[in-house]
PDB file of N, CA and C in Angstrom:
ATOM      1  N   UNK A   1      -1.976  34.962  -6.181  1.00  0.00           N
ATOM      2  CA  UNK A   1      -2.423  33.604  -6.439  1.00  0.00           C
ATOM      3  C   UNK A   1      -1.640  32.640  -5.547  1.00  0.00           C
ATOM      4  N   UNK A   2      -2.303  31.628  -5.048  1.00  0.00           N
ATOM      5  CA  UNK A   2      -1.678  30.656  -4.152  1.00  0.00           C
ATOM      6  C   UNK A   2      -0.714  29.745  -4.906  1.00  0.00           C
ATOM      7  N   UNK A   3       0.330  29.377  -4.213  1.00  0.00           N
ATOM      8  CA  UNK A   3       1.340  28.490  -4.787  1.00  0.00           C
ATOM      9  C   UNK A   3       0.872  27.034  -4.660  1.00  0.00           C
ATOM     10  N   UNK A   4       1.068  26.253  -5.689  1.00  0.00           N
ATOM     11  CA  UNK A   4       0.643  24.852  -5.693  1.00  0.00           C
ATOM     12  C   UNK A   4       1.605  24.026  -4.835  1.00  0.00           C
ATOM     13  N   UNK A   5       1.047  23.181  -3.992  1.00  0.00           N
ATOM     14  CA  UNK A   5       1.851  22.326  -3.119  1.00  0.00           C
ATOM     15  C   UNK A   5       1.948  20.941  -3.755  1.00  0.00           C
ATOM     16  N   UNK A   6       2.988  20.751  -4.572  1.00  0.00           N
ATOM     17  CA  UNK A   6       3.154  19.498  -5.288  1.00  0.00           C
ATOM     18  C   UNK A   6       3.455  18.336  -4.350  1.00  0.00           C
ATOM     19  N   UNK A   7       4.140  18.611  -3.252  1.00  0.00           N
ATOM     20  CA  UNK A   7       4.468  17.559  -2.288  1.00  0.00           C
ATOM     21  C   UNK A   7       3.190  16.960  -1.703  1.00  0.00           C
ATOM     22  N   UNK A   8       2.224  17.822  -1.383  1.00  0.00           N
ATOM     23  CA  UNK A   8       0.954  17.356  -0.838  1.00  0.00           C
ATOM     24  C   UNK A   8       0.230  16.488  -1.863  1.00  0.00           C
ATOM     25  N   UNK A   9       0.182  16.937  -3.106  1.00  0.00           N
ATOM     26  CA  UNK A   9      -0.500  16.173  -4.157  1.00  0.00           C
ATOM     27  C   UNK A   9       0.163  14.821  -4.364  1.00  0.00           C
ATOM     28  N   UNK A  10       1.497  14.791  -4.358  1.00  0.00           N
ATOM     29  CA  UNK A  10       2.222  13.532  -4.538  1.00  0.00           C
ATOM     30  C   UNK A  10       1.910  12.591  -3.390  1.00  0.00           C
ATOM     31  N   UNK A  11       1.922  13.106  -2.167  1.00  0.00           N
ATOM     32  CA  UNK A  11       1.633  12.281  -0.985  1.00  0.00           C
ATOM     33  C   UNK A  11       0.219  11.708  -1.067  1.00  0.00           C
ATOM     34  N   UNK A  12      -0.732  12.503  -1.514  1.00  0.00           N
ATOM     35  CA  UNK A  12      -2.104  12.037  -1.647  1.00  0.00           C
ATOM     36  C   UNK A  12      -2.212  10.924  -2.682  1.00  0.00           C
ATOM     37  N   UNK A  13      -1.481  11.067  -3.805  1.00  0.00           N
ATOM     38  CA  UNK A  13      -1.472  10.005  -4.829  1.00  0.00           C
ATOM     39  C   UNK A  13      -0.867   8.730  -4.265  1.00  0.00           C
ATOM     40  N   UNK A  14       0.235   8.869  -3.508  1.00  0.00           N
ATOM     41  CA  UNK A  14       0.882   7.693  -2.922  1.00  0.00           C
ATOM     42  C   UNK A  14      -0.042   6.995  -1.929  1.00  0.00           C
ATOM     43  N   UNK A  15      -0.750   7.767  -1.108  1.00  0.00           N
ATOM     44  CA  UNK A  15      -1.682   7.182  -0.142  1.00  0.00           C
ATOM     45  C   UNK A  15      -2.832   6.471  -0.851  1.00  0.00           C
ATOM     46  N   UNK A  16      -3.337   7.062  -1.927  1.00  0.00           N
ATOM     47  CA  UNK A  16      -4.423   6.446  -2.682  1.00  0.00           C
ATOM     48  C   UNK A  16      -3.955   5.140  -3.309  1.00  0.00           C
ATOM     49  N   UNK A  17      -2.721   5.140  -3.838  1.00  0.00           N
ATOM     50  CA  UNK A  17      -2.157   3.942  -4.450  1.00  0.00           C
ATOM     51  C   UNK A  17      -1.994   2.833  -3.413  1.00  0.00           C
ATOM     52  N   UNK A  18      -1.489   3.200  -2.228  1.00  0.00           N
ATOM     53  CA  UNK A  18      -1.287   2.221  -1.158  1.00  0.00           C
ATOM     54  C   UNK A  18      -2.626   1.657  -0.692  1.00  0.00           C
ATOM     55  N   UNK A  19      -3.623   2.515  -0.554  1.00  0.00           N
ATOM     56  CA  UNK A  19      -4.945   2.080  -0.127  1.00  0.00           C
ATOM     57  C   UNK A  19      -5.540   1.101  -1.145  1.00  0.00           C
ATOM     58  N   UNK A  20      -5.371   1.411  -2.431  1.00  0.00           N
ATOM     59  CA  UNK A  20      -5.889   0.549  -3.492  1.00  0.00           C
ATOM     60  C   UNK A  20      -5.159  -0.792  -3.491  1.00  0.00           C
ATOM     61  N   UNK A  21      -3.848  -0.765  -3.293  1.00  0.00           N
ATOM     62  CA  UNK A  21      -3.049  -1.988  -3.264  1.00  0.00           C
ATOM     63  C   UNK A  21      -3.453  -2.864  -2.076  1.00  0.00           C
ATOM     64  N   UNK A  22      -3.648  -2.228  -0.905  1.00  0.00           N
ATOM     65  CA  UNK A  22      -4.062  -2.968   0.282  1.00  0.00           C
ATOM     66  C   UNK A  22      -5.447  -3.593   0.094  1.00  0.00           C
ATOM     67  N   UNK A  23      -6.351  -2.848  -0.541  1.00  0.00           N
ATOM     68  CA  UNK A  23      -7.693  -3.364  -0.795  1.00  0.00           C
ATOM     69  C   UNK A  23      -7.636  -4.564  -1.735  1.00  0.00           C
ATOM     70  N   UNK A  24      -6.795  -4.466  -2.754  1.00  0.00           N
ATOM     71  CA  UNK A  24      -6.648  -5.566  -3.709  1.00  0.00           C
ATOM     72  C   UNK A  24      -6.071  -6.796  -3.014  1.00  0.00           C
ATOM     73  N   UNK A  25      -5.065  -6.588  -2.166  1.00  0.00           N
ATOM     74  CA  UNK A  25      -4.454  -7.684  -1.425  1.00  0.00           C
ATOM     75  C   UNK A  25      -5.460  -8.327  -0.470  1.00  0.00           C
ATOM     76  N   UNK A  26      -6.254  -7.512   0.205  1.00  0.00           N
ATOM     77  CA  UNK A  26      -7.262  -8.028   1.131  1.00  0.00           C
ATOM     78  C   UNK A  26      -8.305  -8.859   0.376  1.00  0.00           C
ATOM     79  N   UNK A  27      -8.690  -8.387  -0.812  1.00  0.00           N
ATOM     80  CA  UNK A  27      -9.665  -9.127  -1.621  1.00  0.00           C
ATOM     81  C   UNK A  27      -9.068 -10.461  -2.067  1.00  0.00           C
ATOM     82  N   UNK A  28      -7.805 -10.427  -2.456  1.00  0.00           N
ATOM     83  CA  UNK A  28      -7.133 -11.643  -2.894  1.00  0.00           C
ATOM     84  C   UNK A  28      -7.049 -12.642  -1.743  1.00  0.00           C
ATOM     85  N   UNK A  29      -6.734 -12.155  -0.548  1.00  0.00           N
ATOM     86  CA  UNK A  29      -6.676 -13.025   0.634  1.00  0.00           C
ATOM     87  C   UNK A  29      -8.043 -13.612   0.951  1.00  0.00           C
ATOM     88  N   UNK A  30      -9.080 -12.803   0.825  1.00  0.00           N
ATOM     89  CA  UNK A  30     -10.433 -13.261   1.107  1.00  0.00           C
ATOM     90  C   UNK A  30     -10.846 -14.337   0.100  1.00  0.00           C
ATOM     91  N   UNK A  31     -10.452 -14.165  -1.148  1.00  0.00           N
ATOM     92  CA  UNK A  31     -10.776 -15.146  -2.182  1.00  0.00           C
ATOM     93  C   UNK A  31     -10.069 -16.470  -1.918  1.00  0.00           C
ATOM     94  N   UNK A  32      -8.827 -16.403  -1.435  1.00  0.00           N
ATOM     95  CA  UNK A  32      -8.068 -17.613  -1.133  1.00  0.00           C
ATOM     96  C   UNK A  32      -8.544 -18.285   0.147  1.00  0.00           C
ATOM     97  N   UNK A  33      -9.103 -17.505   1.036  1.00  0.00           N
ATOM     98  CA  UNK A  33      -9.552 -18.060   2.307  1.00  0.00           C
ATOM     99  C   UNK A  33      -8.414 -18.206   3.305  1.00  0.00           C
ATOM    100  N   UNK A  34      -7.247 -17.688   2.970  1.00  0.00           N
ATOM    101  CA  UNK A  34      -6.112 -17.741   3.879  1.00  0.00           C
ATOM    102  C   UNK A  34      -5.581 -16.331   4.111  1.00  0.00           C
ATOM    103  N   UNK A  35      -4.784 -16.193   5.135  1.00  0.00           N
ATOM    104  CA  UNK A  35      -4.175 -14.899   5.439  1.00  0.00           C
ATOM    105  C   UNK A  35      -2.667 -15.087   5.516  1.00  0.00           C
ATOM    106  N   UNK A  36      -1.972 -15.069   4.381  1.00  0.00           N
ATOM    107  CA  UNK A  36      -0.518 -15.231   4.411  1.00  0.00           C
ATOM    108  C   UNK A  36       0.141 -14.070   5.145  1.00  0.00           C
ATOM    109  N   UNK A  37       1.349 -14.292   5.614  1.00  0.00           N
ATOM    110  CA  UNK A  37       2.078 -13.280   6.368  1.00  0.00           C
ATOM    111  C   UNK A  37       2.305 -12.051   5.495  1.00  0.00           C
ATOM    112  N   UNK A  38       2.187 -10.909   6.107  1.00  0.00           N
ATOM    113  CA  UNK A  38       2.397  -9.656   5.406  1.00  0.00           C
ATOM    114  C   UNK A  38       3.884  -9.476   5.113  1.00  0.00           C
ATOM    115  N   UNK A  39       4.227  -8.753   4.078  1.00  0.00           N
ATOM    116  CA  UNK A  39       5.621  -8.533   3.705  1.00  0.00           C
ATOM    117  C   UNK A  39       6.384  -7.838   4.839  1.00  0.00           C
ATOM    118  N   UNK A  40       5.707  -7.004   5.607  1.00  0.00           N
ATOM    119  CA  UNK A  40       6.363  -6.300   6.704  1.00  0.00           C
ATOM    120  C   UNK A  40       6.667  -7.238   7.866  1.00  0.00           C
ATOM    121  N   UNK A  41       5.940  -8.333   7.985  1.00  0.00           N
ATOM    122  CA  UNK A  41       6.151  -9.284   9.079  1.00  0.00           C
ATOM    123  C   UNK A  41       7.296 -10.249   8.811  1.00  0.00           C
ATOM    124  N   UNK A  42       7.634 -10.435   7.532  1.00  0.00           N
ATOM    125  CA  UNK A  42       8.700 -11.366   7.197  1.00  0.00           C
ATOM    126  C   UNK A  42      10.063 -10.761   7.479  1.00  0.00           C
ATOM    127  N   UNK A  43      11.016 -11.558   7.975  1.00  0.00           N
ATOM    128  CA  UNK A  43      12.354 -11.009   8.214  1.00  0.00           C
ATOM    129  C   UNK A  43      13.067 -10.710   6.899  1.00  0.00           C
ATOM    130  N   UNK A  44      13.954  -9.747   6.937  1.00  0.00           N
ATOM    131  CA  UNK A  44      14.700  -9.370   5.744  1.00  0.00           C
ATOM    132  C   UNK A  44      15.708 -10.451   5.398  1.00  0.00           C
ATOM    133  N   UNK A  45      15.958 -10.627   4.106  1.00  0.00           N
ATOM    134  CA  UNK A  45      16.925 -11.640   3.691  1.00  0.00           C
ATOM    135  C   UNK A  45      18.349 -11.170   4.008  1.00  0.00           C
ATOM    136  N   UNK A  46      19.270 -12.092   4.135  1.00  0.00           N
ATOM    137  CA  UNK A  46      20.645 -11.766   4.508  1.00  0.00           C
ATOM    138  C   UNK A  46      21.453 -11.252   3.328  1.00  0.00           C
ATOM    139  N   UNK A  47      20.960 -11.375   2.096  1.00  0.00           N
ATOM    140  CA  UNK A  47      21.757 -10.933   0.950  1.00  0.00           C
ATOM    141  C   UNK A  47      21.682  -9.472   0.705  1.00  0.00           C
TER     142      UNK A  47
END
């Protein structure tokens, strides 16, 4: 019997979660009519 690859399943869940979060954020931006800066584009705080 084949061994279950839990790492693959976890990665797939994480990708699905990220995709859903991005879709929700895109919908929210579309509803607002603005495109605020992405969290990755903002500089890190000094604290």
